[in-house]
Amino acid sequence: MFDDRENLIGLLLLGLCAVVAGVLVWEIVTGERLSYNGPGWLVWVLLILFVGGSFYGLARGGGLGRAGRGRQWPDPRTGQRSWWRRLFGRRDDGDGRL
């Protein structure tokens, strides 16, 4: 799972979501309100990085302009079955039986 580091961004986002959830639960339990007191330009830089990264990922993954001709997962050329078929033992013959 962690050999090729493809899941690193997912784990980082999961960690970020856990931190944000923890802060929000703390805010609800204690009744305090947090406010941002940092420099105003930092918000714009983070927004530009987020939007730019989103467009970069869409362009690189084939989500923009190629109308479905981008890469698919799972790639049918690898011969690997999808995770739900491996987990639940479904056959690939199309009849849907277990």
PDB file of N, CA and C in Angstrom:
ATOM      1  N   MET A   1       0.819  -1.200   0.000  1.00  0.00           N
ATOM      2  CA  MET A   1       0.000   0.000   0.000  1.00  0.00           C
ATOM      3  C   MET A   1       0.858   1.257   0.000  1.00  0.00           C
ATOM      4  N   PHE A   2       1.968   1.259   0.721  1.00  0.00           N
ATOM      5  CA  PHE A   2       2.771   2.458   0.830  1.00  0.00           C
ATOM      6  C   PHE A   2       4.089   2.351   0.075  1.00  0.00           C
ATOM      7  N   ASP A   3       4.255   1.312  -0.741  1.00  0.00           N
ATOM      8  CA  ASP A   3       5.525   1.114  -1.428  1.00  0.00           C
ATOM      9  C   ASP A   3       5.790   2.168  -2.497  1.00  0.00           C
ATOM     10  N   ASP A   4       4.785   2.544  -3.263  1.00  0.00           N
ATOM     11  CA  ASP A   4       5.003   3.464  -4.375  1.00  0.00           C
ATOM     12  C   ASP A   4       4.606   4.904  -4.065  1.00  0.00           C
ATOM     13  N   ARG A   5       4.195   5.193  -2.865  1.00  0.00           N
ATOM     14  CA  ARG A   5       3.858   6.533  -2.380  1.00  0.00           C
ATOM     15  C   ARG A   5       2.711   7.199  -3.141  1.00  0.00           C
ATOM     16  N   GLU A   6       1.894   6.434  -3.837  1.00  0.00           N
ATOM     17  CA  GLU A   6       0.751   7.016  -4.529  1.00  0.00           C
ATOM     18  C   GLU A   6      -0.335   7.451  -3.553  1.00  0.00           C
ATOM     19  N   ASN A   7      -0.372   6.861  -2.388  1.00  0.00           N
ATOM     20  CA  ASN A   7      -1.414   7.166  -1.420  1.00  0.00           C
ATOM     21  C   ASN A   7      -1.015   8.263  -0.446  1.00  0.00           C
ATOM     22  N   LEU A   8       0.156   8.854  -0.620  1.00  0.00           N
ATOM     23  CA  LEU A   8       0.654   9.848   0.321  1.00  0.00           C
ATOM     24  C   LEU A   8      -0.253  11.069   0.386  1.00  0.00           C
ATOM     25  N   ILE A   9      -0.709  11.570  -0.754  1.00  0.00           N
ATOM     26  CA  ILE A   9      -1.566  12.759  -0.743  1.00  0.00           C
ATOM     27  C   ILE A   9      -2.893  12.449  -0.068  1.00  0.00           C
ATOM     28  N   GLY A  10      -3.400  11.258  -0.252  1.00  0.00           N
ATOM     29  CA  GLY A  10      -4.642  10.878   0.408  1.00  0.00           C
ATOM     30  C   GLY A  10      -4.486  10.806   1.917  1.00  0.00           C
ATOM     31  N   LEU A  11      -3.356  10.280   2.356  1.00  0.00           N
ATOM     32  CA  LEU A  11      -3.100  10.220   3.797  1.00  0.00           C
ATOM     33  C   LEU A  11      -2.899  11.611   4.382  1.00  0.00           C
ATOM     34  N   LEU A  12      -2.233  12.489   3.636  1.00  0.00           N
ATOM     35  CA  LEU A  12      -2.065  13.865   4.106  1.00  0.00           C
ATOM     36  C   LEU A  12      -3.408  14.578   4.216  1.00  0.00           C
ATOM     37  N   LEU A  13      -4.266  14.392   3.229  1.00  0.00           N
ATOM     38  CA  LEU A  13      -5.593  15.002   3.292  1.00  0.00           C
ATOM     39  C   LEU A  13      -6.440  14.405   4.415  1.00  0.00           C
ATOM     40  N   LEU A  14      -6.308  13.110   4.639  1.00  0.00           N
ATOM     41  CA  LEU A  14      -7.021  12.477   5.741  1.00  0.00           C
ATOM     42  C   LEU A  14      -6.550  13.031   7.084  1.00  0.00           C
ATOM     43  N   GLY A  15      -5.239  13.233   7.229  1.00  0.00           N
ATOM     44  CA  GLY A  15      -4.700  13.831   8.444  1.00  0.00           C
ATOM     45  C   GLY A  15      -5.176  15.260   8.633  1.00  0.00           C
ATOM     46  N   LEU A  16      -5.201  16.031   7.543  1.00  0.00           N
ATOM     47  CA  LEU A  16      -5.693  17.406   7.616  1.00  0.00           C
ATOM     48  C   LEU A  16      -7.159  17.438   8.034  1.00  0.00           C
ATOM     49  N   CYS A  17      -7.958  16.552   7.471  1.00  0.00           N
ATOM     50  CA  CYS A  17      -9.380  16.489   7.847  1.00  0.00           C
ATOM     51  C   CYS A  17      -9.546  16.104   9.311  1.00  0.00           C
ATOM     52  N   ALA A  18      -8.702  15.206   9.800  1.00  0.00           N
ATOM     53  CA  ALA A  18      -8.779  14.802  11.206  1.00  0.00           C
ATOM     54  C   ALA A  18      -8.425  15.963  12.131  1.00  0.00           C
ATOM     55  N   VAL A  19      -7.418  16.750  11.754  1.00  0.00           N
ATOM     56  CA  VAL A  19      -7.033  17.910  12.566  1.00  0.00           C
ATOM     57  C   VAL A  19      -8.154  18.944  12.575  1.00  0.00           C
ATOM     58  N   VAL A  20      -8.713  19.234  11.413  1.00  0.00           N
ATOM     59  CA  VAL A  20      -9.804  20.214  11.329  1.00  0.00           C
ATOM     60  C   VAL A  20     -11.013  19.730  12.123  1.00  0.00           C
ATOM     61  N   ALA A  21     -11.336  18.448  12.014  1.00  0.00           N
ATOM     62  CA  ALA A  21     -12.467  17.904  12.772  1.00  0.00           C
ATOM     63  C   ALA A  21     -12.217  18.013  14.272  1.00  0.00           C
ATOM     64  N   GLY A  22     -10.998  17.728  14.690  1.00  0.00           N
ATOM     65  CA  GLY A  22     -10.667  17.856  16.106  1.00  0.00           C
ATOM     66  C   GLY A  22     -10.801  19.277  16.609  1.00  0.00           C
ATOM     67  N   VAL A  23     -10.336  20.241  15.813  1.00  0.00           N
ATOM     68  CA  VAL A  23     -10.453  21.651  16.198  1.00  0.00           C
ATOM     69  C   VAL A  23     -11.916  22.070  16.259  1.00  0.00           C
ATOM     70  N   LEU A  24     -12.719  21.630  15.296  1.00  0.00           N
ATOM     71  CA  LEU A  24     -14.129  22.001  15.294  1.00  0.00           C
ATOM     72  C   LEU A  24     -14.885  21.374  16.467  1.00  0.00           C
ATOM     73  N   VAL A  25     -14.563  20.129  16.795  1.00  0.00           N
ATOM     74  CA  VAL A  25     -15.201  19.502  17.954  1.00  0.00           C
ATOM     75  C   VAL A  25     -14.792  20.236  19.226  1.00  0.00           C
ATOM     76  N   TRP A  26     -13.519  20.582  19.344  1.00  0.00           N
ATOM     77  CA  TRP A  26     -13.053  21.348  20.509  1.00  0.00           C
ATOM     78  C   TRP A  26     -13.787  22.688  20.606  1.00  0.00           C
ATOM     79  N   GLU A  27     -13.975  23.349  19.459  1.00  0.00           N
ATOM     80  CA  GLU A  27     -14.679  24.636  19.431  1.00  0.00           C
ATOM     81  C   GLU A  27     -16.129  24.480  19.882  1.00  0.00           C
ATOM     82  N   ILE A  28     -16.767  23.403  19.473  1.00  0.00           N
ATOM     83  CA  ILE A  28     -18.159  23.168  19.871  1.00  0.00           C
ATOM     84  C   ILE A  28     -18.255  22.845  21.357  1.00  0.00           C
ATOM     85  N   VAL A  29     -17.371  21.990  21.839  1.00  0.00           N
ATOM     86  CA  VAL A  29     -17.434  21.558  23.233  1.00  0.00           C
ATOM     87  C   VAL A  29     -17.133  22.704  24.193  1.00  0.00           C
ATOM     88  N   THR A  30     -16.105  23.513  23.870  1.00  0.00           N
ATOM     89  CA  THR A  30     -15.722  24.595  24.789  1.00  0.00           C
ATOM     90  C   THR A  30     -16.549  25.853  24.595  1.00  0.00           C
ATOM     91  N   GLY A  31     -17.195  26.010  23.467  1.00  0.00           N
ATOM     92  CA  GLY A  31     -17.999  27.198  23.204  1.00  0.00           C
ATOM     93  C   GLY A  31     -17.185  28.395  22.755  1.00  0.00           C
ATOM     94  N   GLU A  32     -15.885  28.229  22.551  1.00  0.00           N
ATOM     95  CA  GLU A  32     -15.043  29.334  22.078  1.00  0.00           C
ATOM     96  C   GLU A  32     -15.103  29.431  20.565  1.00  0.00           C
ATOM     97  N   ARG A  33     -14.802  30.618  20.052  1.00  0.00           N
ATOM     98  CA  ARG A  33     -14.758  30.834  18.605  1.00  0.00           C
ATOM     99  C   ARG A  33     -13.338  31.186  18.215  1.00  0.00           C
ATOM    100  N   LEU A  34     -12.833  30.516  17.204  1.00  0.00           N
ATOM    101  CA  LEU A  34     -11.494  30.795  16.701  1.00  0.00           C
ATOM    102  C   LEU A  34     -11.587  31.812  15.571  1.00  0.00           C
ATOM    103  N   SER A  35     -10.578  32.669  15.483  1.00  0.00           N
ATOM    104  CA  SER A  35     -10.533  33.635  14.383  1.00  0.00           C
ATOM    105  C   SER A  35      -9.111  33.703  13.846  1.00  0.00           C
ATOM    106  N   TYR A  36      -9.002  33.994  12.564  1.00  0.00           N
ATOM    107  CA  TYR A  36      -7.702  34.083  11.905  1.00  0.00           C
ATOM    108  C   TYR A  36      -7.161  35.497  12.080  1.00  0.00           C
ATOM    109  N   ASN A  37      -5.956  35.610  12.630  1.00  0.00           N
ATOM    110  CA  ASN A  37      -5.337  36.911  12.859  1.00  0.00           C
ATOM    111  C   ASN A  37      -4.046  37.086  12.081  1.00  0.00           C
ATOM    112  N   GLY A  38      -3.801  36.229  11.118  1.00  0.00           N
ATOM    113  CA  GLY A  38      -2.563  36.289  10.341  1.00  0.00           C
ATOM    114  C   GLY A  38      -2.649  37.307   9.218  1.00  0.00           C
ATOM    115  N   PRO A  39      -1.617  37.348   8.386  1.00  0.00           N
ATOM    116  CA  PRO A  39      -1.601  38.293   7.272  1.00  0.00           C
ATOM    117  C   PRO A  39      -2.676  37.972   6.236  1.00  0.00           C
ATOM    118  N   GLY A  40      -3.272  39.015   5.673  1.00  0.00           N
ATOM    119  CA  GLY A  40      -4.345  38.834   4.703  1.00  0.00           C
ATOM    120  C   GLY A  40      -3.886  38.224   3.396  1.00  0.00           C
ATOM    121  N   TRP A  41      -2.641  38.442   3.012  1.00  0.00           N
ATOM    122  CA  TRP A  41      -2.148  37.908   1.737  1.00  0.00           C
ATOM    123  C   TRP A  41      -2.006  36.392   1.781  1.00  0.00           C
ATOM    124  N   LEU A  42      -1.829  35.801   2.956  1.00  0.00           N
ATOM    125  CA  LEU A  42      -1.654  34.362   3.060  1.00  0.00           C
ATOM    126  C   LEU A  42      -2.912  33.614   2.614  1.00  0.00           C
ATOM    127  N   VAL A  43      -4.065  34.187   2.880  1.00  0.00           N
ATOM    128  CA  VAL A  43      -5.329  33.580   2.448  1.00  0.00           C
ATOM    129  C   VAL A  43      -5.376  33.504   0.930  1.00  0.00           C
ATOM    130  N   TRP A  44      -4.966  34.576   0.254  1.00  0.00           N
ATOM    131  CA  TRP A  44      -4.990  34.602  -1.208  1.00  0.00           C
ATOM    132  C   TRP A  44      -3.968  33.641  -1.803  1.00  0.00           C
ATOM    133  N   VAL A  45      -2.797  33.545  -1.190  1.00  0.00           N
ATOM    134  CA  VAL A  45      -1.780  32.622  -1.689  1.00  0.00           C
ATOM    135  C   VAL A  45      -2.269  31.183  -1.579  1.00  0.00           C
ATOM    136  N   LEU A  46      -2.869  30.840  -0.442  1.00  0.00           N
ATOM    137  CA  LEU A  46      -3.398  29.482  -0.268  1.00  0.00           C
ATOM    138  C   LEU A  46      -4.542  29.191  -1.237  1.00  0.00           C
ATOM    139  N   LEU A  47      -5.386  30.189  -1.483  1.00  0.00           N
ATOM    140  CA  LEU A  47      -6.478  30.018  -2.440  1.00  0.00           C
ATOM    141  C   LEU A  47      -5.941  29.789  -3.850  1.00  0.00           C
ATOM    142  N   ILE A  48      -4.947  30.558  -4.248  1.00  0.00           N
ATOM    143  CA  ILE A  48      -4.357  30.396  -5.587  1.00  0.00           C
ATOM    144  C   ILE A  48      -3.685  29.036  -5.712  1.00  0.00           C
ATOM    145  N   LEU A  49      -2.972  28.603  -4.666  1.00  0.00           N
ATOM    146  CA  LEU A  49      -2.345  27.275  -4.699  1.00  0.00           C
ATOM    147  C   LEU A  49      -3.390  26.165  -4.810  1.00  0.00           C
ATOM    148  N   PHE A  50      -4.489  26.293  -4.087  1.00  0.00           N
ATOM    149  CA  PHE A  50      -5.534  25.270  -4.115  1.00  0.00           C
ATOM    150  C   PHE A  50      -6.193  25.202  -5.492  1.00  0.00           C
ATOM    151  N   VAL A  51      -6.596  26.348  -6.025  1.00  0.00           N
ATOM    152  CA  VAL A  51      -7.263  26.363  -7.334  1.00  0.00           C
ATOM    153  C   VAL A  51      -6.296  25.939  -8.433  1.00  0.00           C
ATOM    154  N   GLY A  52      -5.058  26.430  -8.378  1.00  0.00           N
ATOM    155  CA  GLY A  52      -4.061  26.041  -9.373  1.00  0.00           C
ATOM    156  C   GLY A  52      -3.758  24.555  -9.320  1.00  0.00           C
ATOM    157  N   GLY A  53      -3.633  24.003  -8.119  1.00  0.00           N
ATOM    158  CA  GLY A  53      -3.400  22.568  -7.983  1.00  0.00           C
ATOM    159  C   GLY A  53      -4.569  21.740  -8.479  1.00  0.00           C
ATOM    160  N   SER A  54      -5.782  22.243  -8.270  1.00  0.00           N
ATOM    161  CA  SER A  54      -6.961  21.531  -8.770  1.00  0.00           C
ATOM    162  C   SER A  54      -6.972  21.489 -10.286  1.00  0.00           C
ATOM    163  N   PHE A  55      -6.705  22.628 -10.920  1.00  0.00           N
ATOM    164  CA  PHE A  55      -6.654  22.652 -12.384  1.00  0.00           C
ATOM    165  C   PHE A  55      -5.502  21.820 -12.928  1.00  0.00           C
ATOM    166  N   TYR A  56      -4.366  21.834 -12.237  1.00  0.00           N
ATOM    167  CA  TYR A  56      -3.233  21.018 -12.667  1.00  0.00           C
ATOM    168  C   TYR A  56      -3.596  19.528 -12.618  1.00  0.00           C
ATOM    169  N   GLY A  57      -4.237  19.105 -11.540  1.00  0.00           N
ATOM    170  CA  GLY A  57      -4.639  17.711 -11.420  1.00  0.00           C
ATOM    171  C   GLY A  57      -5.670  17.308 -12.460  1.00  0.00           C
ATOM    172  N   LEU A  58      -6.606  18.203 -12.744  1.00  0.00           N
ATOM    173  CA  LEU A  58      -7.606  17.903 -13.779  1.00  0.00           C
ATOM    174  C   LEU A  58      -6.966  17.810 -15.156  1.00  0.00           C
ATOM    175  N   ALA A  59      -6.046  18.722 -15.457  1.00  0.00           N
ATOM    176  CA  ALA A  59      -5.400  18.716 -16.766  1.00  0.00           C
ATOM    177  C   ALA A  59      -4.493  17.497 -16.919  1.00  0.00           C
ATOM    178  N   ARG A  60      -3.775  17.160 -15.879  1.00  0.00           N
ATOM    179  CA  ARG A  60      -2.854  16.031 -15.954  1.00  0.00           C
ATOM    180  C   ARG A  60      -3.594  14.700 -15.988  1.00  0.00           C
ATOM    181  N   GLY A  61      -4.697  14.609 -15.280  1.00  0.00           N
ATOM    182  CA  GLY A  61      -5.454  13.363 -15.225  1.00  0.00           C
ATOM    183  C   GLY A  61      -6.413  13.176 -16.384  1.00  0.00           C
ATOM    184  N   GLY A  62      -6.531  14.144 -17.259  1.00  0.00           N
ATOM    185  CA  GLY A  62      -7.401  14.010 -18.404  1.00  0.00           C
ATOM    186  C   GLY A  62      -8.813  14.468 -18.141  1.00  0.00           C
ATOM    187  N   GLY A  63      -9.055  15.212 -17.076  1.00  0.00           N
ATOM    188  CA  GLY A  63     -10.399  15.660 -16.754  1.00  0.00           C
ATOM    189  C   GLY A  63     -10.845  16.862 -17.549  1.00  0.00           C
ATOM    190  N   LEU A  64      -9.923  17.594 -18.127  1.00  0.00           N
ATOM    191  CA  LEU A  64     -10.268  18.790 -18.897  1.00  0.00           C
ATOM    192  C   LEU A  64      -9.947  18.597 -20.371  1.00  0.00           C
ATOM    193  N   GLY A  65     -10.907  18.855 -21.213  1.00  0.00           N
ATOM    194  CA  GLY A  65     -10.657  18.945 -22.639  1.00  0.00           C
ATOM    195  C   GLY A  65     -10.527  17.642 -23.394  1.00  0.00           C
ATOM    196  N   ARG A  66     -10.451  16.512 -22.729  1.00  0.00           N
ATOM    197  CA  ARG A  66     -10.268  15.268 -23.455  1.00  0.00           C
ATOM    198  C   ARG A  66     -11.527  14.431 -23.472  1.00  0.00           C
ATOM    199  N   ALA A  67     -12.562  14.881 -22.836  1.00  0.00           N
ATOM    200  CA  ALA A  67     -13.901  14.276 -22.882  1.00  0.00           C
ATOM    201  C   ALA A  67     -13.883  12.771 -22.672  1.00  0.00           C
ATOM    202  N   GLY A  68     -13.344  12.345 -21.553  1.00  0.00           N
ATOM    203  CA  GLY A  68     -13.399  10.939 -21.215  1.00  0.00           C
ATOM    204  C   GLY A  68     -12.298  10.085 -21.798  1.00  0.00           C
ATOM    205  N   ARG A  69     -11.384  10.676 -22.546  1.00  0.00           N
ATOM    206  CA  ARG A  69     -10.305   9.886 -23.113  1.00  0.00           C
ATOM    207  C   ARG A  69      -9.118   9.792 -22.170  1.00  0.00           C
ATOM    208  N   GLY A  70      -9.251  10.310 -20.965  1.00  0.00           N
ATOM    209  CA  GLY A  70      -8.165  10.257 -19.987  1.00  0.00           C
ATOM    210  C   GLY A  70      -8.008   8.868 -19.408  1.00  0.00           C
ATOM    211  N   ARG A  71      -7.126   8.765 -18.458  1.00  0.00           N
ATOM    212  CA  ARG A  71      -6.878   7.484 -17.822  1.00  0.00           C
ATOM    213  C   ARG A  71      -8.087   7.054 -17.003  1.00  0.00           C
ATOM    214  N   GLN A  72      -8.300   5.761 -16.943  1.00  0.00           N
ATOM    215  CA  GLN A  72      -9.389   5.210 -16.159  1.00  0.00           C
ATOM    216  C   GLN A  72      -8.807   4.399 -15.021  1.00  0.00           C
ATOM    217  N   TRP A  73      -9.569   4.287 -13.945  1.00  0.00           N
ATOM    218  CA  TRP A  73      -9.169   3.388 -12.877  1.00  0.00           C
ATOM    219  C   TRP A  73     -10.338   2.494 -12.558  1.00  0.00           C
ATOM    220  N   PRO A  74     -10.168   1.225 -12.448  1.00  0.00           N
ATOM    221  CA  PRO A  74      -8.929   0.504 -12.712  1.00  0.00           C
ATOM    222  C   PRO A  74      -8.685   0.422 -14.208  1.00  0.00           C
ATOM    223  N   ASP A  75      -7.452   0.446 -14.585  1.00  0.00           N
ATOM    224  CA  ASP A  75      -7.093   0.393 -15.993  1.00  0.00           C
ATOM    225  C   ASP A  75      -7.405  -1.001 -16.519  1.00  0.00           C
ATOM    226  N   PRO A  76      -8.295  -1.120 -17.502  1.00  0.00           N
ATOM    227  CA  PRO A  76      -8.683  -2.456 -17.970  1.00  0.00           C
ATOM    228  C   PRO A  76      -7.534  -3.219 -18.621  1.00  0.00           C
ATOM    229  N   ARG A  77      -6.473  -2.519 -19.010  1.00  0.00           N
ATOM    230  CA  ARG A  77      -5.352  -3.198 -19.649  1.00  0.00           C
ATOM    231  C   ARG A  77      -4.456  -3.919 -18.652  1.00  0.00           C
ATOM    232  N   THR A  78      -4.589  -3.645 -17.351  1.00  0.00           N
ATOM    233  CA  THR A  78      -3.733  -4.306 -16.365  1.00  0.00           C
ATOM    234  C   THR A  78      -4.230  -5.696 -16.006  1.00  0.00           C
ATOM    235  N   GLY A  79      -5.502  -5.969 -16.242  1.00  0.00           N
ATOM    236  CA  GLY A  79      -6.052  -7.265 -15.896  1.00  0.00           C
ATOM    237  C   GLY A  79      -6.449  -7.379 -14.438  1.00  0.00           C
ATOM    238  N   GLN A  80      -6.310  -6.298 -13.680  1.00  0.00           N
ATOM    239  CA  GLN A  80      -6.681  -6.335 -12.272  1.00  0.00           C
ATOM    240  C   GLN A  80      -8.163  -6.075 -12.126  1.00  0.00           C
ATOM    241  N   ARG A  81      -8.794  -6.837 -11.233  1.00  0.00           N
ATOM    242  CA  ARG A  81     -10.199  -6.606 -10.964  1.00  0.00           C
ATOM    243  C   ARG A  81     -10.338  -5.445  -9.992  1.00  0.00           C
ATOM    244  N   SER A  82     -11.489  -4.811  -9.979  1.00  0.00           N
ATOM    245  CA  SER A  82     -11.721  -3.704  -9.063  1.00  0.00           C
ATOM    246  C   SER A  82     -11.787  -4.218  -7.638  1.00  0.00           C
ATOM    247  N   TRP A  83     -11.569  -3.319  -6.674  1.00  0.00           N
ATOM    248  CA  TRP A  83     -11.467  -3.735  -5.272  1.00  0.00           C
ATOM    249  C   TRP A  83     -12.760  -4.349  -4.753  1.00  0.00           C
ATOM    250  N   TRP A  84     -13.926  -3.853  -5.210  1.00  0.00           N
ATOM    251  CA  TRP A  84     -15.173  -4.419  -4.703  1.00  0.00           C
ATOM    252  C   TRP A  84     -15.409  -5.817  -5.254  1.00  0.00           C
ATOM    253  N   ARG A  85     -14.923  -6.075  -6.458  1.00  0.00           N
ATOM    254  CA  ARG A  85     -15.049  -7.436  -6.992  1.00  0.00           C
ATOM    255  C   ARG A  85     -14.103  -8.387  -6.274  1.00  0.00           C
ATOM    256  N   ARG A  86     -12.900  -7.914  -5.912  1.00  0.00           N
ATOM    257  CA  ARG A  86     -11.980  -8.757  -5.154  1.00  0.00           C
ATOM    258  C   ARG A  86     -12.495  -8.987  -3.745  1.00  0.00           C
ATOM    259  N   LEU A  87     -13.081  -7.945  -3.128  1.00  0.00           N
ATOM    260  CA  LEU A  87     -13.538  -8.044  -1.749  1.00  0.00           C
ATOM    261  C   LEU A  87     -14.762  -8.950  -1.617  1.00  0.00           C
ATOM    262  N   PHE A  88     -15.714  -8.780  -2.508  1.00  0.00           N
ATOM    263  CA  PHE A  88     -16.955  -9.533  -2.400  1.00  0.00           C
ATOM    264  C   PHE A  88     -16.982 -10.773  -3.284  1.00  0.00           C
ATOM    265  N   GLY A  89     -15.918 -11.024  -4.014  1.00  0.00           N
ATOM    266  CA  GLY A  89     -15.810 -12.243  -4.798  1.00  0.00           C
ATOM    267  C   GLY A  89     -16.678 -12.266  -6.034  1.00  0.00           C
ATOM    268  N   ARG A  90     -17.045 -11.130  -6.540  1.00  0.00           N
ATOM    269  CA  ARG A  90     -17.878 -11.117  -7.755  1.00  0.00           C
ATOM    270  C   ARG A  90     -17.042 -11.529  -8.958  1.00  0.00           C
ATOM    271  N   ARG A  91     -17.702 -12.261  -9.838  1.00  0.00           N
ATOM    272  CA  ARG A  91     -17.016 -12.709 -11.038  1.00  0.00           C
ATOM    273  C   ARG A  91     -17.082 -11.606 -12.093  1.00  0.00           C
ATOM    274  N   ASP A  92     -16.196 -11.697 -13.056  1.00  0.00           N
ATOM    275  CA  ASP A  92     -16.140 -10.708 -14.130  1.00  0.00           C
ATOM    276  C   ASP A  92     -16.909 -11.134 -15.371  1.00  0.00           C
ATOM    277  N   ASP A  93     -17.768 -12.163 -15.285  1.00  0.00           N
ATOM    278  CA  ASP A  93     -18.466 -12.616 -16.474  1.00  0.00           C
ATOM    279  C   ASP A  93     -19.724 -11.816 -16.766  1.00  0.00           C
ATOM    280  N   GLY A  94     -20.050 -10.840 -15.923  1.00  0.00           N
ATOM    281  CA  GLY A  94     -21.134  -9.925 -16.227  1.00  0.00           C
ATOM    282  C   GLY A  94     -22.508 -10.341 -15.751  1.00  0.00           C
ATOM    283  N   ASP A  95     -22.652 -11.528 -15.151  1.00  0.00           N
ATOM    284  CA  ASP A  95     -23.998 -11.920 -14.750  1.00  0.00           C
ATOM    285  C   ASP A  95     -24.362 -11.391 -13.353  1.00  0.00           C
ATOM    286  N   GLY A  96     -23.398 -10.837 -12.616  1.00  0.00           N
ATOM    287  CA  GLY A  96     -23.682 -10.211 -11.344  1.00  0.00           C
ATOM    288  C   GLY A  96     -23.837 -11.154 -10.179  1.00  0.00           C
ATOM    289  N   ARG A  97     -23.713 -12.448 -10.402  1.00  0.00           N
ATOM    290  CA  ARG A  97     -23.848 -13.397  -9.303  1.00  0.00           C
ATOM    291  C   ARG A  97     -22.566 -13.446  -8.488  1.00  0.00           C
ATOM    292  N   LEU A  98     -22.735 -13.802  -7.226  1.00  0.00           N
ATOM    293  CA  LEU A  98     -21.556 -13.941  -6.347  1.00  0.00           C
ATOM    294  C   LEU A  98     -20.874 -15.264  -6.571  1.00  0.00           C
TER     295      LEU A  98
END
